[in-house]
Protein backbone atom coordinates (compact mmCIF):
# COMPACT_ATOMS: atom_id res chain seq x y z
CA UNK A 1 0.00 0.00 0.00
CA UNK A 2 1.29 3.49 -0.84
CA UNK A 3 2.42 5.74 2.02
CA UNK A 4 -0.35 8.26 1.29
CA UNK A 5 -3.00 5.53 1.59
CA UNK A 6 -1.59 4.29 4.89
CA UNK A 7 -1.36 7.81 6.29
CA UNK A 8 -4.91 8.52 5.14
CA UNK A 9 -6.15 5.46 7.04
CA UNK A 10 -4.36 6.64 10.19
CA UNK A 11 -5.30 10.34 10.03
CA UNK A 12 -8.41 10.51 7.85
CA UNK A 13 -6.66 13.07 5.64
CA UNK A 14 -6.42 12.60 1.88
CA UNK A 15 -4.72 14.44 -0.97
CA UNK A 16 -1.82 15.54 1.27
CA UNK A 17 0.98 14.50 -1.10
CA UNK A 18 -0.77 16.23 -4.00
CA UNK A 19 -1.14 19.36 -1.86
CA UNK A 20 2.61 19.38 -1.11
CA UNK A 21 3.46 18.88 -4.79
CA UNK A 22 1.19 21.80 -5.67
CA UNK A 23 2.76 24.00 -2.99
CA UNK A 24 6.24 23.09 -4.23
CA UNK A 25 5.29 23.97 -7.83
CA UNK A 26 3.79 27.28 -6.76
CA UNK A 27 6.87 28.26 -4.75
CA UNK A 28 9.20 27.21 -7.57
CA UNK A 29 7.27 29.28 -10.13
CA UNK A 30 7.12 32.30 -7.84
CA UNK A 31 10.84 32.11 -7.07
CA UNK A 32 11.81 31.61 -10.71
CA UNK A 33 9.65 34.55 -11.77
CA UNK A 34 11.43 36.79 -9.26
CA UNK A 35 14.78 35.59 -10.58
CA UNK A 36 13.78 35.98 -14.22
CA UNK A 37 13.85 32.28 -15.09
CA UNK A 38 11.44 29.49 -15.97
CA UNK A 39 11.30 25.72 -15.65
CA UNK A 40 13.02 25.53 -19.03
CA UNK A 41 16.10 27.27 -17.64
CA UNK A 42 19.16 25.12 -17.04
CA UNK A 43 20.01 23.71 -13.62
CA UNK A 44 23.32 25.55 -13.69
CA UNK A 45 21.66 28.92 -14.42
CA UNK A 46 19.14 28.53 -11.61
CA UNK A 47 21.70 27.27 -9.09
CA UNK A 48 24.20 30.03 -9.86
CA UNK A 49 21.53 32.73 -9.67
CA UNK A 50 20.31 31.43 -6.30
CA UNK A 51 23.91 31.53 -5.12
CA UNK A 52 24.37 35.08 -6.42
CA UNK A 53 21.22 36.14 -4.54
CA UNK A 54 22.63 34.55 -1.41
CA UNK A 55 26.07 36.17 -1.86
CA UNK A 56 24.35 39.57 -1.91
CA UNK A 57 22.49 38.68 1.29
CA UNK A 58 25.78 37.53 2.79
CA UNK A 59 27.36 40.95 2.18
CA UNK A 60 24.35 42.65 3.81
CA UNK A 61 24.61 40.39 6.85
CA UNK A 62 28.32 41.18 7.08
CA UNK A 63 27.43 44.86 7.51
CA UNK A 64 24.60 44.14 9.97
CA UNK A 65 27.02 42.18 12.15
CA UNK A 66 29.58 45.00 12.18
CA UNK A 67 32.06 43.48 9.69
CA UNK A 68 33.18 40.62 11.97
CA UNK A 69 36.83 39.59 12.06
CA UNK A 70 37.09 36.20 13.77
CA UNK A 71 40.80 36.66 14.48
CA UNK A 72 39.94 39.57 16.80
CA UNK A 73 37.00 37.96 18.57
CA UNK A 74 38.51 35.34 20.89
CA UNK A 75 37.99 37.59 23.90
CA UNK A 76 34.62 39.00 22.92
CA UNK A 77 32.36 37.44 20.29
CA UNK A 78 30.85 40.87 19.67
CA UNK A 79 27.79 41.35 17.42
CA UNK A 80 28.08 37.95 15.74
CA UNK A 81 27.18 36.22 18.99
CA UNK A 82 25.05 39.03 20.41
CA UNK A 83 22.72 39.15 17.41
CA UNK A 84 22.43 35.36 17.07
CA UNK A 85 21.52 34.97 20.75
CA UNK A 86 19.01 37.84 20.54
CA UNK A 87 17.14 36.07 17.72
CA UNK A 88 16.68 32.76 19.55
CA UNK A 89 14.63 32.17 22.68
CA UNK A 90 17.38 30.05 24.21
CA UNK A 91 17.23 29.50 27.96
CA UNK A 92 19.59 27.70 30.33
CA UNK A 93 20.47 24.11 29.59
CA UNK A 94 21.32 21.03 31.64
CA UNK A 95 25.05 20.38 31.21
CA UNK A 96 27.85 18.44 32.88
CA UNK A 97 29.27 20.46 35.78
CA UNK A 98 32.60 22.03 34.93
CA UNK A 99 34.33 20.55 37.97
CA UNK A 100 33.09 17.08 36.98
CA UNK A 101 34.21 17.57 33.38
CA UNK A 102 37.71 18.54 34.51
CA UNK A 103 37.77 15.54 36.85
CA UNK A 104 36.94 13.24 33.93
CA UNK A 105 39.64 14.83 31.81
CA UNK A 106 42.20 14.30 34.57
CA UNK A 107 41.46 10.57 34.44
CA UNK A 108 41.96 10.58 30.66
CA UNK A 109 44.56 13.31 30.01
CA UNK A 110 44.45 14.78 26.46
CA UNK A 111 48.14 14.23 25.82
CA UNK A 112 48.15 15.86 22.38
CA UNK A 113 46.98 19.20 23.80
CA UNK A 114 49.26 18.95 26.83
CA UNK A 115 52.25 18.28 24.58
CA UNK A 116 51.29 21.07 22.18
CA UNK A 117 51.29 23.69 24.93
CA UNK A 118 53.88 22.06 27.15
CA UNK A 119 51.65 21.95 30.23
CA UNK A 120 52.25 19.44 33.00
CA UNK A 121 48.67 18.55 33.82
CA UNK A 122 45.00 19.16 33.03
CA UNK A 123 44.51 21.73 35.81
CA UNK A 124 47.25 23.94 34.40
CA UNK A 125 45.84 23.48 30.89
CA UNK A 126 42.34 24.58 31.94
CA UNK A 127 43.63 27.55 33.94
CA UNK A 128 45.79 28.85 31.09
CA UNK A 129 43.60 28.03 28.08
CA UNK A 130 40.02 28.18 29.48
CA UNK A 131 37.41 25.46 29.95
CA UNK A 132 35.54 26.22 26.72
CA UNK A 133 38.65 26.27 24.51
CA UNK A 134 40.07 23.03 25.87
CA UNK A 135 36.87 20.99 25.63
CA UNK A 136 36.10 22.37 22.16
CA UNK A 137 39.64 21.49 21.04
CA UNK A 138 39.31 17.85 22.08
CA UNK A 139 37.36 17.35 18.85
CA UNK A 140 40.29 18.17 16.61
CA UNK A 141 43.42 17.59 18.68
CA UNK A 142 42.82 14.11 20.05
CA UNK A 143 42.75 10.86 18.09
CA UNK A 144 39.49 9.08 17.27
CA UNK A 145 40.60 6.24 19.54
CA UNK A 146 41.11 8.64 22.47
CA UNK A 147 37.70 10.26 21.87
CA UNK A 148 35.95 6.89 21.83
CA UNK A 149 37.71 5.79 24.99
CA UNK A 150 36.89 9.06 26.78
CA UNK A 151 33.25 8.87 25.72
CA UNK A 152 32.74 5.14 26.30
CA UNK A 153 34.55 4.88 29.65
CA UNK A 154 34.55 8.29 31.35
CA UNK A 155 30.85 8.92 30.79
CA UNK A 156 29.85 5.58 32.35
CA UNK A 157 30.36 7.01 35.82
CA UNK A 158 28.17 10.07 35.32
CA UNK A 159 25.08 10.59 37.47
CA UNK A 160 22.21 13.09 37.17
CA UNK A 161 23.72 15.07 40.06
CA UNK A 162 26.84 15.63 37.93
CA UNK A 163 24.74 17.97 35.75
CA UNK A 164 23.67 21.56 36.41
CA UNK A 165 21.57 24.28 34.85
CA UNK A 166 23.66 27.04 33.27
CA UNK A 167 23.63 29.31 30.20
CA UNK A 168 24.94 28.22 26.82
CA UNK A 169 28.43 29.50 26.03
CA UNK A 170 29.41 30.81 22.57
CA UNK A 171 33.15 30.88 22.05
CA UNK A 172 35.44 32.03 19.23
CA UNK A 173 38.63 30.06 19.73
CA UNK A 174 41.97 31.83 19.90
CA UNK A 175 43.89 32.06 16.63
CA UNK A 176 46.58 29.67 17.91
CA UNK A 177 44.10 26.78 17.60
CA UNK A 178 43.73 27.31 13.85
CA UNK A 179 46.71 25.24 12.71
CA UNK A 180 45.72 22.40 15.01
CA UNK A 181 42.20 22.45 13.61
CA UNK A 182 42.95 21.96 9.91
CA UNK A 183 42.12 18.26 9.77
CA UNK A 184 38.93 18.87 11.71
CA UNK A 185 37.80 21.56 9.26
CA UNK A 186 38.35 19.29 6.27
CA UNK A 187 36.28 16.58 7.89
CA UNK A 188 33.38 18.76 9.04
CA UNK A 189 33.25 21.14 6.03
CA UNK A 190 32.65 24.10 8.35
CA UNK A 191 34.30 25.78 11.29
CA UNK A 192 31.39 25.93 13.72
CA UNK A 193 30.52 23.05 16.02
CA UNK A 194 29.15 22.31 19.47
CA UNK A 195 29.32 20.06 22.52
CA UNK A 196 25.79 19.29 23.66
CA UNK A 197 26.74 17.85 27.04
CA UNK A 198 28.89 20.86 27.99
CA UNK A 199 26.69 23.61 26.54
CA UNK A 200 29.44 25.00 24.30
CA UNK A 201 29.07 26.32 20.74
CA UNK A 202 32.43 27.21 19.25
CA UNK A 203 33.89 28.86 16.18
CA UNK A 204 37.36 28.25 14.77
CA UNK A 205 38.67 31.63 13.52
CA UNK A 206 38.97 31.19 9.78
CA UNK A 207 39.50 34.24 7.62
CA UNK A 208 36.15 35.34 6.17
CA UNK A 209 37.16 35.68 2.53
CA UNK A 210 34.67 33.39 0.75
CA UNK A 211 31.21 34.54 -0.43
CA UNK A 212 28.57 33.02 1.81
CA UNK A 213 30.97 32.35 4.69
CA UNK A 214 29.45 34.76 7.21
CA UNK A 215 25.92 33.59 6.40
CA UNK A 216 26.98 29.97 6.81
CA UNK A 217 28.57 30.68 10.21
CA UNK A 218 25.63 32.76 11.37
CA UNK A 219 22.98 30.20 10.37
CA UNK A 220 25.02 27.43 11.99
CA UNK A 221 25.04 29.44 15.21
CA UNK A 222 21.26 29.83 14.99
CA UNK A 223 20.94 26.10 14.28
CA UNK A 224 23.02 25.08 17.30
CA UNK A 225 21.23 27.59 19.52
CA UNK A 226 18.12 25.53 18.77
CA UNK A 227 19.73 22.09 18.74
CA UNK A 228 21.58 22.25 22.07
CA UNK A 229 18.45 23.21 24.09
CA UNK A 230 16.51 20.45 22.27
CA UNK A 231 18.95 17.83 23.56
CA UNK A 232 19.21 19.50 26.95
CA UNK A 233 15.45 19.10 27.30
CA UNK A 234 15.89 15.40 26.60
CA UNK A 235 18.69 15.16 29.20
CA UNK A 236 16.20 16.51 31.76
CA UNK A 237 13.53 14.09 30.53
CA UNK A 238 15.74 11.05 31.11
CA UNK A 239 17.56 12.29 34.23
CA UNK A 240 15.36 10.21 36.56
CA UNK A 241 15.46 7.12 34.38
CA UNK A 242 17.55 4.10 35.49
CA UNK A 243 18.89 4.07 31.92
CA UNK A 244 19.99 7.71 32.09
CA UNK A 245 23.61 7.13 31.03
CA UNK A 246 22.75 4.78 28.17
CA UNK A 247 20.09 7.22 26.95
CA UNK A 248 22.52 10.14 27.29
CA UNK A 249 25.18 8.36 25.25
CA UNK A 250 22.63 7.33 22.64
CA UNK A 251 21.54 10.95 22.22
CA UNK A 252 25.13 12.19 21.98
CA UNK A 253 25.95 9.55 19.36
CA UNK A 254 22.84 10.45 17.38
CA UNK A 255 21.82 6.79 17.18
CA UNK A 256 19.70 5.66 14.26
CA UNK A 257 18.29 2.14 14.24
CA UNK A 258 20.15 -0.21 11.94
CA UNK A 259 18.37 -1.08 8.73
CA UNK A 260 18.54 -4.80 9.47
CA UNK A 261 16.79 -4.31 12.82
CA UNK A 262 13.98 -2.15 11.50
CA UNK A 263 11.17 -4.47 10.49
CA UNK A 264 8.00 -2.98 9.07
CA UNK A 265 4.92 -4.71 10.47
CA UNK A 266 1.83 -4.79 8.30
CA UNK A 267 -0.43 -3.87 11.22
CA UNK A 268 1.47 -0.70 12.09
CA UNK A 269 2.92 2.22 10.16
CA UNK A 270 6.37 3.24 11.38
CA UNK A 271 8.35 6.39 10.71
CA UNK A 272 12.05 6.33 11.49
CA UNK A 273 13.60 9.11 13.58
CA UNK A 274 16.91 9.98 11.92
CA UNK A 275 18.92 12.30 14.17
CA UNK A 276 21.65 13.13 11.68
CA UNK A 277 22.23 13.56 7.95
CA UNK A 278 22.92 10.01 6.79
CA UNK A 279 23.40 11.28 3.24
CA UNK A 280 26.71 12.83 4.33
CA UNK A 281 28.12 9.30 4.59
CA UNK A 282 26.01 7.47 2.01
CA UNK A 283 23.42 9.18 -0.15
CA UNK A 284 22.01 5.74 -0.99
CA UNK A 285 21.52 4.62 2.61
CA UNK A 286 18.23 2.65 2.41
CA UNK A 287 16.90 4.33 5.56
CA UNK A 288 16.76 7.64 3.65
CA UNK A 289 14.07 6.16 1.39
CA UNK A 290 11.89 4.95 4.27
CA UNK A 291 9.30 7.25 5.88
CA UNK A 292 11.21 9.27 8.47
CA UNK A 293 11.45 12.53 10.35
CA UNK A 294 14.64 14.41 11.15
CA UNK A 295 15.09 16.76 14.15
CA UNK A 296 18.07 18.35 12.35
CA UNK A 297 15.72 19.68 9.68
CA UNK A 298 13.51 21.14 12.39
CA UNK A 299 16.47 22.96 13.97
CA UNK A 300 17.24 24.45 10.54
CA UNK A 301 13.59 25.46 10.13
CA UNK A 302 13.79 27.37 13.41
CA UNK A 303 17.11 28.91 12.38
CA UNK A 304 15.43 30.22 9.22
CA UNK A 305 12.58 31.66 11.31
CA UNK A 306 15.15 33.46 13.46
CA UNK A 307 16.93 34.79 10.38
CA UNK A 308 13.65 36.25 9.11
CA UNK A 309 13.57 38.54 12.15
CA UNK A 310 16.45 40.54 10.68
CA UNK A 311 14.12 42.12 8.13
CA UNK A 312 12.28 41.72 4.81
CA UNK A 313 15.53 41.26 2.86
CA UNK A 314 15.79 37.78 4.32
CA UNK A 315 12.17 36.84 3.56
CA UNK A 316 13.03 35.65 0.01
CA UNK A 317 14.02 32.24 1.46
CA UNK A 318 11.02 31.88 3.75
CA UNK A 319 9.20 28.59 3.24
CA UNK A 320 11.68 27.24 0.68
CA UNK A 321 13.34 24.67 2.94
CA UNK A 322 11.49 21.69 1.41
CA UNK A 323 11.38 23.07 -2.16
CA UNK A 324 13.27 21.57 -5.08
CA UNK A 325 12.83 21.14 -8.83
CA UNK A 326 14.36 19.25 -11.74
CA UNK A 327 15.89 21.36 -14.50
CA UNK A 328 17.68 20.49 -17.76
CA UNK A 329 21.33 19.70 -17.12
CA UNK A 330 23.88 21.33 -19.40
CA UNK A 331 26.52 18.76 -18.48
CA UNK A 332 24.66 15.45 -18.70
CA UNK A 333 21.86 16.26 -21.15
CA UNK A 334 19.39 14.83 -18.63
CA UNK A 335 17.69 16.61 -15.74
CA UNK A 336 19.21 17.70 -12.44
CA UNK A 337 17.64 18.42 -9.07
CA UNK A 338 18.20 21.92 -7.70
CA UNK A 339 17.52 22.61 -4.03
CA UNK A 340 15.95 25.97 -3.13
CA UNK A 341 16.76 25.40 0.55
CA UNK A 342 18.86 28.27 1.93
CA UNK A 343 21.26 25.95 3.76
CA UNK A 344 21.90 23.76 0.72
CA UNK A 345 22.50 26.87 -1.38
CA UNK A 346 24.87 28.52 1.11
CA UNK A 347 26.85 25.30 1.67
CA UNK A 348 27.20 24.83 -2.11
CA UNK A 349 28.23 28.48 -2.52
CA UNK A 350 30.96 28.27 0.10
CA UNK A 351 32.27 25.04 -1.43
CA UNK A 352 32.37 26.86 -4.80
CA UNK A 353 30.08 24.27 -6.37
CA UNK A 354 32.50 21.39 -5.74
CA UNK A 355 29.72 19.72 -3.75
CA UNK A 356 26.09 20.28 -4.75
CA UNK A 357 24.16 20.01 -1.50
CA UNK A 358 20.67 18.52 -1.63
CA UNK A 359 20.13 16.67 1.63
CA UNK A 360 18.83 19.56 3.73
CA UNK A 361 15.95 20.01 1.27
CA UNK A 362 15.22 16.29 1.12
CA UNK A 363 15.08 15.89 4.89
CA UNK A 364 12.92 19.03 5.20
CA UNK A 365 10.53 17.47 2.68
CA UNK A 366 10.10 14.32 4.77
CA UNK A 367 9.33 16.50 7.80
CA UNK A 368 6.89 18.52 5.68
CA UNK A 369 4.97 15.38 4.76
CA UNK A 370 4.62 14.32 8.39
CA UNK A 371 3.69 17.84 9.50
CA UNK A 372 0.92 18.10 6.90
CA UNK A 373 -0.69 15.02 8.43
CA UNK A 374 -0.12 15.69 12.13
CA UNK A 375 1.09 19.27 12.63
CA UNK A 376 4.51 20.57 13.67
CA UNK A 377 3.89 20.48 17.44
CA UNK A 378 2.70 16.87 17.29
CA UNK A 379 5.74 15.86 15.22
CA UNK A 380 8.12 17.43 17.72
CA UNK A 381 6.37 15.78 20.66
CA UNK A 382 6.45 12.36 18.98
CA UNK A 383 10.16 12.79 18.24
CA UNK A 384 10.88 13.59 21.89
CA UNK A 385 8.78 10.64 23.11
CA UNK A 386 10.32 8.09 20.73
CA UNK A 387 13.85 9.27 19.99
CA UNK A 388 15.57 6.54 21.99
CA UNK A 389 13.82 3.68 20.20
CA UNK A 390 14.41 5.57 16.91
CA UNK A 391 10.96 5.28 15.36
CA UNK A 392 7.38 6.47 15.70
CA UNK A 393 4.66 3.84 15.49
CA UNK A 394 1.30 5.10 14.28
């Protein structure tokens, strides 16, 4: 039975897929008309024009944020952080106490960082380089083996009382971390990341000399300002559970049920909960073609809503997160999918077209389908209630 038929039986709603297709077509036509194109235009023309539109927006944002220079912001994040925080209703989170975090690090000393700076022990390292900088730097200074050992062993001893409520911290790392971070940047494709369990969002101070770079950094900040509180809420939810540590580690790993373990039962309709972008690793992962929802796409939706608050100039991208269209390809002679999603466009722009991003749009589309049947609030509640088992059963 087709998905639409199954969903209709569950919800009593019909014609939902057709409605979404019609909305997509309308938004594509409206956007193309504003850009001076049509559906007969080439994929390359449309993609490059969307990127040009975004590059112009990027330059405007650069002025709004006071022409940020990351190399001069390690002490004070200035307007980049101030404006991003002002746009998001982000409250305190539940994070590992700093004293406990340092205690864990003393049991598993990060030798690469200690050797780099020439410090004798973890206490001296924290005092001289700051808590936020050191824990952020673990991601790109320590080996994968060390990270797995620290995560798998050190976290086993954590208890709910080792956590506390405190504000999120945004940190631009000092310039001296830049050379150490090169491998990390190549792996992650961007220089903004976060540590959910410590409440830290950090920026590695790259030079802002690529069109789209400031917009990418700013939207990533908005994204993480939504994502970290989302997970912090789940930490609170599971704090009184006897499986607290296993649930905590599952959330931090972003577990997704293995394909071989996910059996579809005829009596029930199941939607996977996919916490990360599987397409980054394998665009043909079979789970991407199963009905699923993705909290990442919801964090990006909220980031876009926050961006809209900066003024009408940013409204061009409103509602385009799930929108895409096939256009004639000048290179293959076939057709090529173009994403109208702001994040896909900005990521493609910054990578100078070397990678054509599509997965943000595709995940937003799956969320859109679910939302049209149940509503956004219901989707978010079902994700929270079922995220550990990794699927929603309807």
